[in-house]
Every structure is written in C-alpha cells, then in structure tokens.
C-alpha cells in the first residue's frame, strides 16, 4: 500500500521550522492552494492501483501528485524537481514532507505515472474540473473548442541524415524513436511531427473542461464529439459551442445534445443570423491565450516523453495545473 501523510504533523521540529517561514509567505500560490483545495480525494481514487500488504509501503499518492504539479508549474525535469522539493521549504510544506522525510527518488515519478495510467489521470482531471464547478467558476452557456500542436521529442533534422533521396517520404517513420507520433498540417505549407491535444474551454472562467490527445495527423473536427461527451459527463453539459472553421460539420450531433452550433462558418457557407453567433464568434480568441500560457510556462508545445499515452498525461497535468491556479485565485486571491 502507501504511507499516510501524517509525518509532517508528527514532526514538532518540522512544524516549528515551517511555521515561521509559512507565516511570511501567506500570499504564495502554494500556501493558498493548500488552504483552499483539498486533494486528499486522490488517495481513494487511486488506492486500487496499489497492492495491500505486499512489500514496502510506497510514497503517498497525494505527495507524488503534488510533486508532479510542482514539476508542471515550474517546468522542471524529474531529477530537478525532486532536488527542489528536497531543498525548498515551501515545496516541502506544500507536498507534505517533514524536514526529516526523504524525498522520493526522481525515477519514482515515472513509475507513479505508469502505476496510475491514463484512466486515473483522466479521473483526477475530471475531479478538479468538478472542484471548479462547485466553486462557482463554471457556467453552462458557452464552451470554446480548439486543438494545439505538440512537437514530438524527436530531432527531425537529425533524421534527415538517413533520407535515401529527395523522394523518400518514409525516412521519419523508418528512423523515429517515437513511432506513435505522426505528421500534422497547420496549413498547406506548414506542418509538424508529433501529437495534437484538443480541449474545451469555459469562456467565462477559462477553465479547461475536457481534453483529448491524438497523434498529429487526424483532422481537428475528429476531436469534437469525444470532447463534448467528456464535458457532459463531467459538468452536465453546456448550451453553445464555438470554435474555428476546422470544426464545421457537427451540427446534427450538437443538436442531438441540445447544444447550439456556433462554430465559425466557412466563407462559402451561409452565416447564422443569431445574435449570439456573432457574440460567440468574438469569444473564440480566448482559447489562444490558454494555449499561449501553456506553451510559455508549462511546456505544452513540446513533448517530454515518447508515446501518445505519456504525452496525454503531460497535457492533463498541464491543464489541471492551470485549472488549479484558476480555482485558487478565485477562492483566495492574492492581494494586489
């Protein structure tokens, strides 16, 4: 099984040393997060991933998850984030380790992700969306849909050395260390090699409510039905959907779900005369800000690992990190 989180409370010296520092940093995001968001639900959610009474007890899953949150928040490698948790008192306090506790070895982060797998990380993400909804951040009026490119952890230029001739179109697939990645096209003359993550965004709060990760080649519109279904299961659904022209063609599916299709129409298509169509159309660029935040601060645009599963977990961690920041700043804003 796994250890409890009681070691901090049981260490008098740790509590005394922490408290003086914590009192000076009440406005820090990590202190406010511990005050406002209870992540203990993770224990019950993942306990079936552990074998009871078999071998040495593992680190508590809440501790491991919080380290992954810190890693995403500060964009650090597995090795660097465990070193930071060992030496940074605010990090230790946030994670729940006393001054006497050893930090997990950096290799355990990858094993923890493998232990939980895609399904459990999806559930954790959904639970955090539920926290945002219960906090009053979400409404059911408008969602925005879009996809973001994620470059594979592959040096494509290096692979060109193995190109047999100018007509060789298979040199990447033949030599890549990440065979699950594929080529996607942003435009006729612009492409990338890797993956694609589709999301739904609540237009009011900018909380991401659903995520789906594929290889780069499928068309954007293929994400729409899965994302809408995930949102409905997690939040109960919404009334209107907007997005760019790549998502045109799902009006009947959306109508069956009680959702108004306000996807931006192509130039050669009839434009809806609804007032909220024009209003929703103007909201679409909001999602670009979310992608910009992820790429600038949380390495959303570049895969850290090989394989769709690991890239999807990376995307989930990225967006749930941004969602947690939104929840904390809504419930307990830092003074201006």
Protein backbone atom coordinates (compact mmCIF):
# COMPACT_ATOMS: atom_id res chain seq x y z
CA UNK A 1 0.00 0.00 0.00
CA UNK A 2 1.18 3.57 0.56
CA UNK A 3 2.25 5.64 3.54
CA UNK A 4 -0.02 8.14 5.27
CA UNK A 5 0.61 11.88 5.17
CA UNK A 6 0.99 12.14 8.94
CA UNK A 7 4.77 12.57 9.11
CA UNK A 8 4.64 16.36 8.90
CA UNK A 9 2.12 16.67 11.72
CA UNK A 10 4.16 14.23 13.82
CA UNK A 11 7.37 16.23 13.50
CA UNK A 12 7.42 19.03 16.10
CA UNK A 13 10.67 20.46 14.82
CA UNK A 14 9.40 20.39 11.24
CA UNK A 15 6.17 22.16 12.17
CA UNK A 16 8.05 24.80 14.21
CA UNK A 17 10.58 25.48 11.46
CA UNK A 18 7.96 25.59 8.73
CA UNK A 19 5.55 27.86 10.53
CA UNK A 20 7.85 30.87 10.78
CA UNK A 21 8.53 30.73 7.05
CA UNK A 22 4.93 29.98 6.07
CA UNK A 23 3.71 32.96 8.08
CA UNK A 24 5.91 35.21 5.95
CA UNK A 25 4.57 33.79 2.66
CA UNK A 26 0.81 33.64 3.14
CA UNK A 27 0.24 35.09 -0.35
CA UNK A 28 2.31 32.44 -2.14
CA UNK A 29 0.29 30.33 -4.59
CA UNK A 30 1.29 27.06 -2.91
CA UNK A 31 0.23 28.24 0.54
CA UNK A 32 -3.10 29.48 -0.81
CA UNK A 33 -3.62 26.24 -2.72
CA UNK A 34 -3.13 24.13 0.41
CA UNK A 35 -5.67 26.34 2.20
CA UNK A 36 -8.36 26.23 -0.47
CA UNK A 37 -8.11 22.92 -2.37
CA UNK A 38 -8.32 19.53 -0.70
CA UNK A 39 -6.54 16.97 -2.86
CA UNK A 40 -6.98 14.09 -0.42
CA UNK A 41 -9.63 12.61 -2.76
CA UNK A 42 -6.70 11.24 -4.78
CA UNK A 43 -5.99 8.61 -2.09
CA UNK A 44 -9.36 6.87 -2.51
CA UNK A 45 -9.37 7.40 -6.26
CA UNK A 46 -6.11 5.51 -6.85
CA UNK A 47 -5.95 3.05 -3.95
CA UNK A 48 -6.85 0.16 -6.26
CA UNK A 49 -3.59 0.86 -8.13
CA UNK A 50 -1.67 -0.35 -5.06
CA UNK A 51 -1.29 -3.86 -3.67
CA UNK A 52 -2.19 -4.03 0.05
CA UNK A 53 0.22 -5.73 2.45
CA UNK A 54 2.77 -6.55 -0.22
CA UNK A 55 6.29 -5.21 0.05
CA UNK A 56 7.48 -1.81 1.23
CA UNK A 57 4.88 0.95 1.50
CA UNK A 58 5.02 3.43 -1.39
CA UNK A 59 5.00 7.20 -1.05
CA UNK A 60 1.54 8.65 -0.52
CA UNK A 61 -0.12 9.33 -3.91
CA UNK A 62 -1.09 12.87 -2.87
CA UNK A 63 2.59 13.62 -2.24
CA UNK A 64 3.53 12.17 -5.62
CA UNK A 65 0.78 14.09 -7.40
CA UNK A 66 1.82 17.35 -5.76
CA UNK A 67 5.39 16.83 -6.93
CA UNK A 68 4.09 16.36 -10.48
CA UNK A 69 2.06 19.55 -10.06
CA UNK A 70 5.21 21.43 -8.98
CA UNK A 71 7.11 19.94 -11.90
CA UNK A 72 4.48 21.23 -14.34
CA UNK A 73 4.08 24.58 -12.59
CA UNK A 74 7.80 25.35 -12.72
CA UNK A 75 8.70 23.34 -15.86
CA UNK A 76 11.43 21.17 -14.36
CA UNK A 77 12.80 17.73 -15.18
CA UNK A 78 12.11 14.71 -12.94
CA UNK A 79 15.56 14.99 -11.40
CA UNK A 80 15.46 18.77 -10.90
CA UNK A 81 12.02 18.85 -9.28
CA UNK A 82 12.89 16.19 -6.69
CA UNK A 83 16.05 18.14 -5.87
CA UNK A 84 13.97 21.30 -5.49
CA UNK A 85 11.46 19.58 -3.20
CA UNK A 86 14.36 18.37 -1.05
CA UNK A 87 15.86 21.86 -0.61
CA UNK A 88 12.92 24.30 -0.88
CA UNK A 89 10.99 24.61 2.38
CA UNK A 90 7.86 25.98 0.69
CA UNK A 91 7.88 23.00 -1.66
CA UNK A 92 8.35 20.56 1.25
CA UNK A 93 5.48 22.14 3.14
CA UNK A 94 3.19 22.10 0.11
CA UNK A 95 3.96 18.46 -0.67
CA UNK A 96 3.56 17.36 2.96
CA UNK A 97 7.05 16.22 3.90
CA UNK A 98 8.68 16.96 7.23
CA UNK A 99 12.28 18.14 7.45
CA UNK A 100 13.22 14.57 8.40
CA UNK A 101 11.48 12.87 5.48
CA UNK A 102 13.44 11.76 2.44
CA UNK A 103 12.10 12.93 -0.90
CA UNK A 104 11.15 10.31 -3.50
CA UNK A 105 13.88 9.33 -5.92
CA UNK A 106 13.32 11.05 -9.26
CA UNK A 107 12.78 7.72 -11.05
CA UNK A 108 9.64 7.13 -8.96
CA UNK A 109 7.79 9.93 -10.76
CA UNK A 110 7.71 7.95 -13.99
CA UNK A 111 6.74 4.77 -12.14
CA UNK A 112 3.91 6.65 -10.40
CA UNK A 113 2.51 7.79 -13.76
CA UNK A 114 2.74 4.24 -15.08
CA UNK A 115 1.02 2.90 -11.96
CA UNK A 116 -1.95 5.26 -12.33
CA UNK A 117 -2.19 5.20 -16.11
CA UNK A 118 -4.34 7.26 -18.44
CA UNK A 119 -7.67 6.40 -16.82
CA UNK A 120 -6.73 7.54 -13.31
CA UNK A 121 -5.17 10.79 -14.52
CA UNK A 122 -8.33 11.46 -16.54
CA UNK A 123 -10.36 10.93 -13.37
CA UNK A 124 -8.14 13.27 -11.35
CA UNK A 125 -8.51 15.92 -14.05
CA UNK A 126 -12.31 15.50 -14.01
CA UNK A 127 -12.41 15.77 -10.22
CA UNK A 128 -10.54 19.08 -10.40
CA UNK A 129 -13.00 20.34 -13.05
CA UNK A 130 -15.72 19.34 -10.58
CA UNK A 131 -13.99 21.39 -7.88
CA UNK A 132 -14.05 24.40 -10.21
CA UNK A 133 -17.73 23.88 -10.90
CA UNK A 134 -18.65 23.59 -7.21
CA UNK A 135 -16.61 26.72 -6.51
CA UNK A 136 -18.85 28.63 -8.94
CA UNK A 137 -16.27 29.15 -11.66
CA UNK A 138 -18.11 27.39 -14.49
CA UNK A 139 -21.34 28.27 -16.23
CA UNK A 140 -23.29 26.29 -18.81
CA UNK A 141 -23.54 28.95 -21.53
CA UNK A 142 -20.54 28.74 -23.86
CA UNK A 143 -17.59 26.43 -24.49
CA UNK A 144 -14.76 27.12 -26.96
CA UNK A 145 -13.07 24.26 -28.82
CA UNK A 146 -9.62 24.15 -30.41
CA UNK A 147 -6.54 21.96 -30.88
CA UNK A 148 -2.90 22.62 -30.06
CA UNK A 149 0.14 21.08 -31.75
CA UNK A 150 2.70 19.26 -29.60
CA UNK A 151 6.06 18.56 -31.20
CA UNK A 152 7.41 15.07 -30.57
CA UNK A 153 10.60 14.55 -28.58
CA UNK A 154 12.39 13.77 -31.83
CA UNK A 155 15.15 15.61 -33.70
CA UNK A 156 13.57 15.55 -37.16
CA UNK A 157 16.51 17.35 -38.75
CA UNK A 158 18.85 14.64 -37.48
CA UNK A 159 16.64 12.01 -39.10
CA UNK A 160 17.21 13.67 -42.47
CA UNK A 161 20.71 12.17 -42.47
CA UNK A 162 19.04 8.83 -43.17
CA UNK A 163 16.98 10.16 -46.07
CA UNK A 164 17.70 7.99 -49.10
CA UNK A 165 16.76 10.58 -51.75
CA UNK A 166 14.52 13.61 -52.31
CA UNK A 167 11.52 11.36 -52.94
CA UNK A 168 11.96 9.40 -49.70
CA UNK A 169 8.78 10.12 -47.73
CA UNK A 170 9.29 7.36 -45.16
CA UNK A 171 12.59 8.44 -43.58
CA UNK A 172 10.93 9.78 -40.39
CA UNK A 173 8.71 6.75 -39.77
CA UNK A 174 11.62 4.44 -40.56
CA UNK A 175 14.06 6.03 -38.09
CA UNK A 176 11.99 7.75 -35.40
CA UNK A 177 12.43 6.79 -31.72
CA UNK A 178 8.73 7.64 -31.26
CA UNK A 179 6.75 5.54 -33.76
CA UNK A 180 3.39 6.67 -32.34
CA UNK A 181 3.96 10.27 -33.49
CA UNK A 182 2.79 11.41 -36.93
CA UNK A 183 2.88 14.44 -39.24
CA UNK A 184 0.16 17.07 -38.89
CA UNK A 185 -0.56 20.07 -41.10
CA UNK A 186 -1.30 23.55 -39.78
CA UNK A 187 -1.61 24.85 -43.35
CA UNK A 188 -0.70 23.80 -46.88
CA UNK A 189 2.95 24.70 -46.35
CA UNK A 190 3.33 24.33 -42.57
CA UNK A 191 3.49 21.02 -40.72
CA UNK A 192 4.84 19.46 -37.55
CA UNK A 193 5.75 15.98 -36.33
CA UNK A 194 4.19 14.81 -33.08
CA UNK A 195 0.80 14.98 -31.42
CA UNK A 196 -2.31 17.10 -31.08
CA UNK A 197 -4.35 17.93 -27.99
CA UNK A 198 -7.95 19.08 -28.32
CA UNK A 199 -9.65 20.94 -25.46
CA UNK A 200 -12.93 22.53 -24.45
CA UNK A 201 -12.66 25.82 -22.56
CA UNK A 202 -15.31 27.53 -20.43
CA UNK A 203 -15.46 31.02 -21.92
CA UNK A 204 -16.23 32.75 -18.61
CA UNK A 205 -13.56 31.29 -16.33
CA UNK A 206 -11.06 29.91 -18.90
CA UNK A 207 -11.16 26.59 -17.07
CA UNK A 208 -10.43 23.65 -19.39
CA UNK A 209 -13.27 21.14 -19.04
CA UNK A 210 -12.23 18.32 -21.39
CA UNK A 211 -9.02 17.05 -23.04
CA UNK A 212 -8.28 14.55 -25.78
CA UNK A 213 -4.84 13.70 -27.21
CA UNK A 214 -4.15 12.03 -30.56
CA UNK A 215 -1.28 11.82 -32.99
CA UNK A 216 -0.87 14.87 -35.21
CA UNK A 217 -2.48 13.53 -38.39
CA UNK A 218 -6.25 13.31 -37.57
CA UNK A 219 -8.29 16.36 -38.57
CA UNK A 220 -9.29 18.74 -35.77
CA UNK A 221 -13.01 18.05 -36.19
CA UNK A 222 -12.43 14.43 -35.11
CA UNK A 223 -11.92 15.68 -31.55
CA UNK A 224 -15.30 17.38 -31.25
CA UNK A 225 -17.63 14.52 -30.36
CA UNK A 226 -15.30 12.98 -27.77
CA UNK A 227 -14.64 16.31 -26.08
CA UNK A 228 -18.34 17.19 -25.90
CA UNK A 229 -19.18 13.77 -24.43
CA UNK A 230 -16.45 14.17 -21.80
CA UNK A 231 -17.70 17.64 -20.84
CA UNK A 232 -21.27 16.42 -20.49
CA UNK A 233 -20.16 13.54 -18.25
CA UNK A 234 -18.08 15.85 -16.04
CA UNK A 235 -20.10 19.10 -15.85
CA UNK A 236 -23.57 18.20 -17.10
CA UNK A 237 -23.09 19.99 -20.41
CA UNK A 238 -23.47 23.47 -21.89
CA UNK A 239 -25.69 25.43 -24.28
CA UNK A 240 -23.48 26.74 -27.09
CA UNK A 241 -20.18 25.82 -28.75
CA UNK A 242 -17.85 28.00 -30.81
CA UNK A 243 -14.53 27.35 -32.49
CA UNK A 244 -12.70 27.96 -35.73
CA UNK A 245 -13.69 26.69 -39.18
CA UNK A 246 -11.82 23.40 -38.74
CA UNK A 247 -14.68 22.14 -36.54
CA UNK A 248 -17.52 22.73 -39.02
CA UNK A 249 -19.79 19.77 -39.79
CA UNK A 250 -21.14 18.52 -36.45
CA UNK A 251 -24.40 20.49 -36.28
CA UNK A 252 -26.64 17.42 -36.08
CA UNK A 253 -24.54 15.80 -33.36
CA UNK A 254 -24.61 19.00 -31.30
CA UNK A 255 -28.34 19.46 -31.88
CA UNK A 256 -28.96 15.95 -30.53
CA UNK A 257 -27.08 17.00 -27.37
CA UNK A 258 -29.13 20.21 -27.00
CA UNK A 259 -26.16 22.40 -27.98
CA UNK A 260 -26.34 25.31 -30.42
CA UNK A 261 -23.68 25.05 -33.13
CA UNK A 262 -21.93 28.42 -33.20
CA UNK A 263 -18.76 27.10 -34.84
CA UNK A 264 -17.45 29.81 -37.19
CA UNK A 265 -18.70 29.01 -40.69
CA UNK A 266 -16.50 28.88 -43.78
CA UNK A 267 -16.71 31.82 -46.19
CA UNK A 268 -18.74 29.87 -48.74
CA UNK A 269 -21.32 28.80 -46.15
CA UNK A 270 -24.48 30.54 -45.01
CA UNK A 271 -23.83 32.57 -41.87
CA UNK A 272 -26.29 32.14 -38.96
CA UNK A 273 -28.29 35.25 -38.16
CA UNK A 274 -28.47 34.52 -34.44
CA UNK A 275 -27.24 37.38 -32.25
CA UNK A 276 -25.29 35.00 -30.02
CA UNK A 277 -23.46 33.58 -33.06
CA UNK A 278 -21.71 36.89 -33.65
CA UNK A 279 -21.12 37.34 -29.92
CA UNK A 280 -19.69 33.84 -29.53
CA UNK A 281 -17.54 34.27 -32.63
CA UNK A 282 -15.77 37.17 -30.91
CA UNK A 283 -15.01 34.95 -27.89
CA UNK A 284 -13.06 32.34 -29.86
CA UNK A 285 -9.59 34.03 -29.50
CA UNK A 286 -9.78 33.49 -25.71
CA UNK A 287 -8.61 29.91 -26.20
CA UNK A 288 -5.43 31.11 -27.92
CA UNK A 289 -4.46 32.83 -24.66
CA UNK A 290 -4.80 29.49 -22.87
CA UNK A 291 -2.54 27.77 -25.40
CA UNK A 292 -0.07 30.65 -25.06
CA UNK A 293 0.01 30.26 -21.27
CA UNK A 294 0.61 26.53 -21.56
CA UNK A 295 3.42 26.89 -24.07
CA UNK A 296 5.12 29.82 -22.35
CA UNK A 297 5.08 28.49 -18.78
CA UNK A 298 4.28 24.77 -18.77
CA UNK A 299 5.97 23.38 -21.92
CA UNK A 300 2.72 22.47 -23.61
CA UNK A 301 4.13 22.76 -27.13
CA UNK A 302 6.91 20.16 -26.73
CA UNK A 303 6.59 16.53 -25.64
CA UNK A 304 8.78 15.48 -22.72
CA UNK A 305 8.35 11.78 -23.44
CA UNK A 306 7.68 9.29 -26.25
CA UNK A 307 4.24 7.82 -26.91
CA UNK A 308 0.67 9.15 -27.02
CA UNK A 309 -0.17 7.95 -23.50
CA UNK A 310 2.69 9.85 -21.87
CA UNK A 311 2.02 12.95 -23.98
CA UNK A 312 -1.66 12.82 -22.95
CA UNK A 313 -0.72 12.62 -19.27
CA UNK A 314 1.65 15.56 -19.82
CA UNK A 315 -1.27 17.52 -21.35
CA UNK A 316 -3.59 16.58 -18.48
CA UNK A 317 -1.02 17.75 -15.93
CA UNK A 318 -0.52 20.99 -17.85
CA UNK A 319 -4.20 21.88 -17.99
CA UNK A 320 -5.10 20.72 -14.48
CA UNK A 321 -2.21 22.87 -13.21
CA UNK A 322 -3.71 25.89 -14.96
CA UNK A 323 -7.16 24.94 -13.66
CA UNK A 324 -5.88 24.72 -10.08
CA UNK A 325 -4.32 28.16 -10.42
CA UNK A 326 -7.70 29.50 -11.57
CA UNK A 327 -9.51 27.89 -8.63
CA UNK A 328 -7.05 29.22 -6.05
CA UNK A 329 -7.01 32.75 -7.45
CA UNK A 330 -10.82 32.73 -7.50
CA UNK A 331 -11.32 31.39 -3.96
CA UNK A 332 -8.39 33.16 -2.29
CA UNK A 333 -6.94 35.92 -4.47
CA UNK A 334 -3.51 37.26 -3.64
CA UNK A 335 -3.57 40.92 -2.59
CA UNK A 336 -2.84 43.30 -5.46
